[in-house]
Amino acid sequence: MDAVPDVFTLGHSPDPDDAFMFYAMAEQKIDLRGYRFEHRLEDIQTLNERATRGELHISAISIHAYAYVADRYALLPCGASMGDGYGPLLVTSDQTPAAAREWLSRATIAVPGKMTSAFLALQLYLGDFNYVIVPFDQIFEAVRTGRADAGLIIHEGQLTYAKSGFKKVVDLGEWWKRETGLPLPLGGNVLRKDIPPDVQKDLLAILRESIDYGLEHRDEAVRHSMPYARDMDEQLAAKFIGMYVNDYTRDYGETGREAIRRFLGAARERGYLAPDNEPQFVS
């Protein structure tokens, strides 16, 4: 049997929804069953890249990136970020074009990383397109300065874009819901397969208890998340957290699992991903 680490590395993004989700673990509000965790806060593109190297025991990850790391990791059935009728946005600083898809097909689009689920969703919506990779928190500036015609916005920018002077072109989560009737699977948490099965079950239980604790003690968990709420007051941060920490976060359920199968399956059919097995979940 594989040895159990003294400390489990736990990667997640410095965003209010992840901070909310891992609050009870970080502050030891729940029983950690004798396990110790080292929290590594990094942007999602960095976490995706680290997962390709199997560096972290547990990590938040883009569902798109999971297709590249399924040999090393299994998906935990809780911890999902799903946009149910909402999701990553295409924005511009100019007047919203009448024929959005046609305009975007000619535009240069600032994107937050090629392994993000937002990027894959945009490929499914638009096909091939011109893009420039920009850190997610610099996309507004790339559009404002003319480096890009449009920006693919994730995280809190989905709520702050209008205040920042931008106009929405397309909401990819809205488009996906209209096309499939399913939520758009954006992020999840993965666990390394070389961890012994009994320990995997313990870690799953701890993460689920952490999510439940946050949902049951929402006000204090939101307050804990505020240092990560860029450009958001407490009311807006609570709204953002409510968008991405919900019933799908507690458990994917069959709808969430089907959303992942459809999302990655559509990408394989279009040639954006190599043929692969069904997603594997920790039991």
Protein backbone atom coordinates (compact mmCIF):
# COMPACT_ATOMS: atom_id res chain seq x y z
CA MET A 1 0.00 0.00 0.00
CA ASP A 2 1.23 3.52 -0.78
CA ALA A 3 2.53 5.50 2.21
CA VAL A 4 0.24 8.18 3.64
CA PRO A 5 1.87 11.64 3.53
CA ASP A 6 2.49 13.51 6.80
CA VAL A 7 0.93 16.61 5.24
CA PHE A 8 -1.44 16.76 2.27
CA THR A 9 -0.90 19.62 -0.17
CA LEU A 10 -4.21 21.28 -1.01
CA GLY A 11 -4.27 23.65 -3.97
CA HIS A 12 -7.03 26.17 -4.55
CA SER A 13 -7.41 29.60 -6.05
CA PRO A 14 -7.34 32.84 -4.02
CA ASP A 15 -10.98 33.55 -4.81
CA PRO A 16 -13.91 34.03 -2.45
CA ASP A 17 -15.77 30.89 -3.52
CA ASP A 18 -12.75 28.65 -2.89
CA ALA A 19 -11.96 30.47 0.36
CA PHE A 20 -15.58 29.90 1.42
CA MET A 21 -15.41 26.22 0.51
CA PHE A 22 -12.16 25.56 2.42
CA TYR A 23 -12.87 27.89 5.36
CA ALA A 24 -13.73 25.14 7.84
CA MET A 25 -10.57 23.23 6.94
CA ALA A 26 -8.30 26.27 7.06
CA GLU A 27 -9.63 27.38 10.44
CA GLN A 28 -10.11 23.84 11.82
CA LYS A 29 -13.82 24.33 12.39
CA ILE A 30 -14.38 20.63 11.72
CA ASP A 31 -12.69 17.40 12.73
CA LEU A 32 -9.74 16.88 10.38
CA ARG A 33 -9.37 13.28 11.61
CA GLY A 34 -5.70 13.67 12.41
CA TYR A 35 -4.75 14.75 8.89
CA ARG A 36 -2.78 17.93 8.23
CA PHE A 37 -3.16 20.15 5.17
CA GLU A 38 -0.87 22.70 3.56
CA HIS A 39 -3.00 25.17 1.59
CA ARG A 40 -1.38 26.37 -1.65
CA LEU A 41 -3.21 29.40 -3.09
CA GLU A 42 -2.49 29.90 -6.79
CA ASP A 43 -4.41 31.02 -9.86
CA ILE A 44 -6.35 28.33 -11.69
CA GLN A 45 -4.06 28.20 -14.72
CA THR A 46 -1.07 27.52 -12.43
CA LEU A 47 -3.04 24.82 -10.59
CA ASN A 48 -3.97 23.23 -13.92
CA GLU A 49 -0.31 23.15 -14.95
CA ARG A 50 0.78 21.72 -11.60
CA ALA A 51 -1.81 18.98 -11.93
CA THR A 52 -0.28 17.86 -15.23
CA ARG A 53 2.86 17.14 -13.20
CA GLY A 54 0.96 15.52 -10.31
CA GLU A 55 2.51 17.91 -7.82
CA LEU A 56 -0.39 18.38 -5.37
CA HIS A 57 -2.31 15.71 -3.48
CA ILE A 58 -5.64 17.55 -3.72
CA SER A 59 -6.33 20.46 -6.03
CA ALA A 60 -8.96 22.67 -7.50
CA ILE A 61 -8.80 22.30 -11.26
CA SER A 62 -10.59 23.33 -14.42
CA ILE A 63 -12.87 20.59 -15.75
CA HIS A 64 -11.19 21.16 -19.13
CA ALA A 65 -7.78 20.45 -17.55
CA TYR A 66 -9.09 17.24 -15.96
CA ALA A 67 -9.04 15.66 -19.42
CA TYR A 68 -5.24 15.99 -19.37
CA VAL A 69 -4.68 14.60 -15.86
CA ALA A 70 -7.21 11.75 -15.60
CA ASP A 71 -4.34 9.24 -15.47
CA ARG A 72 -3.09 10.78 -12.20
CA TYR A 73 -6.24 12.13 -10.57
CA ALA A 74 -9.87 11.25 -9.89
CA LEU A 75 -12.61 13.84 -9.48
CA LEU A 76 -14.03 14.32 -6.01
CA PRO A 77 -17.84 14.24 -6.26
CA CYS A 78 -18.09 17.49 -4.30
CA GLY A 79 -16.47 20.89 -4.69
CA ALA A 80 -17.82 21.66 -8.17
CA SER A 81 -18.15 25.15 -9.60
CA MET A 82 -21.01 25.01 -12.10
CA GLY A 83 -22.74 27.88 -13.82
CA ASP A 84 -26.41 27.01 -14.11
CA GLY A 85 -27.48 29.40 -16.85
CA TYR A 86 -24.53 31.75 -16.28
CA GLY A 87 -20.78 31.51 -16.63
CA PRO A 88 -17.73 33.05 -18.30
CA LEU A 89 -18.46 36.21 -20.28
CA LEU A 90 -17.19 37.75 -23.47
CA VAL A 91 -16.95 41.52 -22.97
CA THR A 92 -15.84 44.50 -25.00
CA SER A 93 -15.20 48.15 -24.29
CA ASP A 94 -16.97 49.22 -27.48
CA GLN A 95 -20.61 49.07 -28.50
CA THR A 96 -21.98 45.53 -28.33
CA PRO A 97 -21.89 44.10 -31.88
CA ALA A 98 -25.21 43.09 -33.46
CA ALA A 99 -23.87 39.81 -34.90
CA ALA A 100 -21.88 38.62 -31.89
CA ARG A 101 -20.59 35.31 -33.19
CA GLU A 102 -19.50 36.74 -36.54
CA TRP A 103 -17.74 39.66 -34.85
CA LEU A 104 -15.98 37.43 -32.35
CA SER A 105 -14.77 35.11 -35.11
CA ARG A 106 -12.75 38.06 -36.50
CA ALA A 107 -11.72 39.53 -33.13
CA THR A 108 -8.63 38.99 -31.01
CA ILE A 109 -9.81 37.71 -27.64
CA ALA A 110 -7.86 37.95 -24.38
CA VAL A 111 -8.20 34.59 -22.56
CA PRO A 112 -7.06 33.51 -19.07
CA GLY A 113 -5.37 30.26 -20.15
CA LYS A 114 -5.79 27.47 -22.68
CA MET A 115 -6.62 24.80 -20.08
CA THR A 116 -9.42 26.77 -18.44
CA SER A 117 -12.97 25.55 -18.94
CA ALA A 118 -13.85 29.04 -20.16
CA PHE A 119 -11.43 28.59 -23.08
CA LEU A 120 -12.91 25.21 -24.01
CA ALA A 121 -16.46 26.59 -23.76
CA LEU A 122 -15.46 29.40 -26.11
CA GLN A 123 -14.01 26.87 -28.57
CA LEU A 124 -17.30 24.96 -28.51
CA TYR A 125 -19.23 28.18 -29.07
CA LEU A 126 -17.00 29.80 -31.67
CA GLY A 127 -14.70 27.19 -33.22
CA ASP A 128 -11.17 28.38 -33.93
CA PHE A 129 -10.47 31.98 -32.99
CA ASN A 130 -7.64 34.45 -32.51
CA TYR A 131 -6.53 34.89 -28.93
CA VAL A 132 -3.85 36.26 -26.65
CA ILE A 133 -3.21 34.68 -23.22
CA VAL A 134 -3.39 37.19 -20.37
CA PRO A 135 -3.54 36.65 -16.57
CA PHE A 136 -7.23 36.66 -15.63
CA ASP A 137 -6.93 39.83 -13.55
CA GLN A 138 -5.34 41.76 -16.45
CA ILE A 139 -7.93 40.96 -19.12
CA PHE A 140 -9.93 44.16 -18.62
CA GLU A 141 -6.73 46.16 -19.11
CA ALA A 142 -5.83 44.21 -22.27
CA VAL A 143 -9.20 45.14 -23.80
CA ARG A 144 -9.11 48.72 -22.53
CA THR A 145 -5.67 49.35 -24.09
CA GLY A 146 -6.56 47.71 -27.42
CA ARG A 147 -4.30 44.69 -27.04
CA ALA A 148 -7.46 42.63 -27.54
CA ASP A 149 -10.88 43.41 -29.02
CA ALA A 150 -12.74 41.32 -26.44
CA GLY A 151 -11.99 39.59 -23.16
CA LEU A 152 -13.02 36.21 -21.78
CA ILE A 153 -13.94 37.00 -18.18
CA ILE A 154 -13.94 34.56 -15.26
CA HIS A 155 -14.12 34.96 -11.47
CA GLU A 156 -15.44 38.21 -10.01
CA GLY A 157 -15.23 40.02 -13.35
CA GLN A 158 -18.54 38.35 -14.21
CA LEU A 159 -20.17 40.69 -11.67
CA THR A 160 -17.96 43.78 -11.94
CA TYR A 161 -17.54 44.20 -15.71
CA ALA A 162 -20.27 46.85 -16.10
CA LYS A 163 -18.91 48.93 -13.22
CA SER A 164 -15.51 48.72 -14.93
CA GLY A 165 -16.99 50.18 -18.13
CA PHE A 166 -17.39 47.04 -20.25
CA LYS A 167 -20.32 45.61 -22.19
CA LYS A 168 -21.37 41.97 -22.38
CA VAL A 169 -21.24 40.26 -25.76
CA VAL A 170 -22.05 36.64 -24.81
CA ASP A 171 -22.58 34.68 -21.58
CA LEU A 172 -21.22 31.19 -22.33
CA GLY A 173 -23.07 29.59 -19.42
CA GLU A 174 -26.35 30.97 -20.74
CA TRP A 175 -25.53 29.70 -24.23
CA TRP A 176 -24.58 26.21 -22.93
CA LYS A 177 -27.79 25.95 -20.88
CA ARG A 178 -29.83 26.89 -23.95
CA GLU A 179 -28.01 24.31 -26.08
CA THR A 180 -27.99 21.38 -23.64
CA GLY A 181 -30.32 22.17 -20.74
CA LEU A 182 -27.35 21.49 -18.42
CA PRO A 183 -25.15 23.61 -16.15
CA LEU A 184 -21.72 24.53 -17.51
CA PRO A 185 -19.06 22.59 -15.54
CA LEU A 186 -16.21 24.99 -14.86
CA GLY A 187 -14.18 23.73 -11.92
CA GLY A 188 -13.84 20.76 -9.63
CA ASN A 189 -11.52 19.23 -7.08
CA VAL A 190 -9.27 16.27 -7.81
CA LEU A 191 -7.47 13.75 -5.65
CA ARG A 192 -4.35 11.84 -6.58
CA LYS A 193 -5.05 8.20 -7.37
CA ASP A 194 -1.94 6.96 -5.55
CA ILE A 195 -3.51 7.86 -2.18
CA PRO A 196 -4.81 4.70 -0.43
CA PRO A 197 -8.57 4.13 -0.92
CA ASP A 198 -9.45 4.36 2.78
CA VAL A 199 -7.62 7.70 3.04
CA GLN A 200 -9.35 8.93 -0.12
CA LYS A 201 -12.70 8.31 1.57
CA ASP A 202 -11.57 10.25 4.66
CA LEU A 203 -10.40 13.19 2.56
CA LEU A 204 -13.66 13.23 0.61
CA ALA A 205 -15.63 13.26 3.87
CA ILE A 206 -13.53 16.15 5.25
CA LEU A 207 -13.97 18.25 2.13
CA ARG A 208 -17.71 17.63 2.09
CA GLU A 209 -17.97 18.59 5.77
CA SER A 210 -16.02 21.78 5.05
CA ILE A 211 -18.44 22.76 2.29
CA ASP A 212 -21.43 21.95 4.49
CA TYR A 213 -20.00 23.96 7.37
CA GLY A 214 -19.59 27.02 5.13
CA LEU A 215 -23.14 26.73 3.83
CA GLU A 216 -24.49 26.30 7.36
CA HIS A 217 -22.43 29.24 8.72
CA ARG A 218 -22.67 31.43 5.65
CA ASP A 219 -22.09 34.85 7.25
CA GLU A 220 -18.87 33.89 9.00
CA ALA A 221 -17.61 31.98 5.95
CA VAL A 222 -18.29 35.01 3.72
CA ARG A 223 -16.39 37.24 6.18
CA HIS A 224 -13.46 34.82 6.02
CA SER A 225 -13.57 35.08 2.21
CA MET A 226 -13.50 38.89 2.02
CA PRO A 227 -9.67 39.26 1.80
CA TYR A 228 -9.94 37.37 -1.52
CA ALA A 229 -12.90 39.38 -2.85
CA ARG A 230 -11.16 41.66 -5.34
CA ASP A 231 -13.20 44.80 -6.12
CA MET A 232 -16.24 43.40 -4.29
CA ASP A 233 -18.04 44.52 -1.16
CA GLU A 234 -19.49 41.91 1.19
CA GLN A 235 -22.88 41.91 -0.53
CA LEU A 236 -21.38 41.34 -3.98
CA ALA A 237 -18.97 38.71 -2.66
CA ALA A 238 -21.88 36.85 -1.06
CA LYS A 239 -23.70 36.94 -4.41
CA PHE A 240 -20.64 35.57 -6.24
CA ILE A 241 -20.19 32.80 -3.67
CA GLY A 242 -23.86 31.90 -4.00
CA MET A 243 -23.41 31.50 -7.76
CA TYR A 244 -20.62 28.95 -7.45
CA VAL A 245 -21.08 27.26 -4.06
CA ASN A 246 -24.46 25.58 -4.32
CA ASP A 247 -26.15 22.17 -4.43
CA TYR A 248 -23.83 21.02 -7.23
CA THR A 249 -20.90 21.88 -4.95
CA ARG A 250 -22.19 19.57 -2.21
CA ASP A 251 -22.48 16.78 -4.77
CA TYR A 252 -22.46 16.73 -8.56
CA GLY A 253 -25.47 14.46 -8.66
CA GLU A 254 -26.39 12.79 -11.92
CA THR A 255 -27.07 16.15 -13.59
CA GLY A 256 -23.60 17.41 -12.75
CA ARG A 257 -21.95 14.21 -13.91
CA GLU A 258 -23.89 14.33 -17.17
CA ALA A 259 -22.83 17.96 -17.63
CA ILE A 260 -19.17 16.93 -17.39
CA ARG A 261 -19.67 14.01 -19.77
CA ARG A 262 -21.42 16.24 -22.32
CA PHE A 263 -18.87 19.06 -22.01
CA LEU A 264 -15.80 16.88 -22.47
CA GLY A 265 -17.60 14.62 -24.95
CA ALA A 266 -18.49 17.58 -27.18
CA ALA A 267 -14.85 18.67 -27.07
CA ARG A 268 -13.69 15.21 -28.13
CA GLU A 269 -16.20 15.12 -30.98
CA ARG A 270 -14.94 18.48 -32.23
CA GLY A 271 -11.31 17.35 -32.03
CA TYR A 272 -10.30 19.65 -29.16
CA LEU A 273 -9.54 16.71 -26.87
CA ALA A 274 -8.10 13.27 -27.60
CA PRO A 275 -10.43 10.26 -27.15
CA ASP A 276 -10.54 9.37 -23.47
CA ASN A 277 -12.35 7.29 -20.89
CA GLU A 278 -15.32 8.46 -18.85
CA PRO A 279 -14.46 10.80 -15.96
CA GLN A 280 -13.58 8.89 -12.80
CA PHE A 281 -15.04 9.96 -9.44
CA VAL A 282 -13.82 9.11 -5.96
CA SER A 283 -16.52 6.86 -4.46
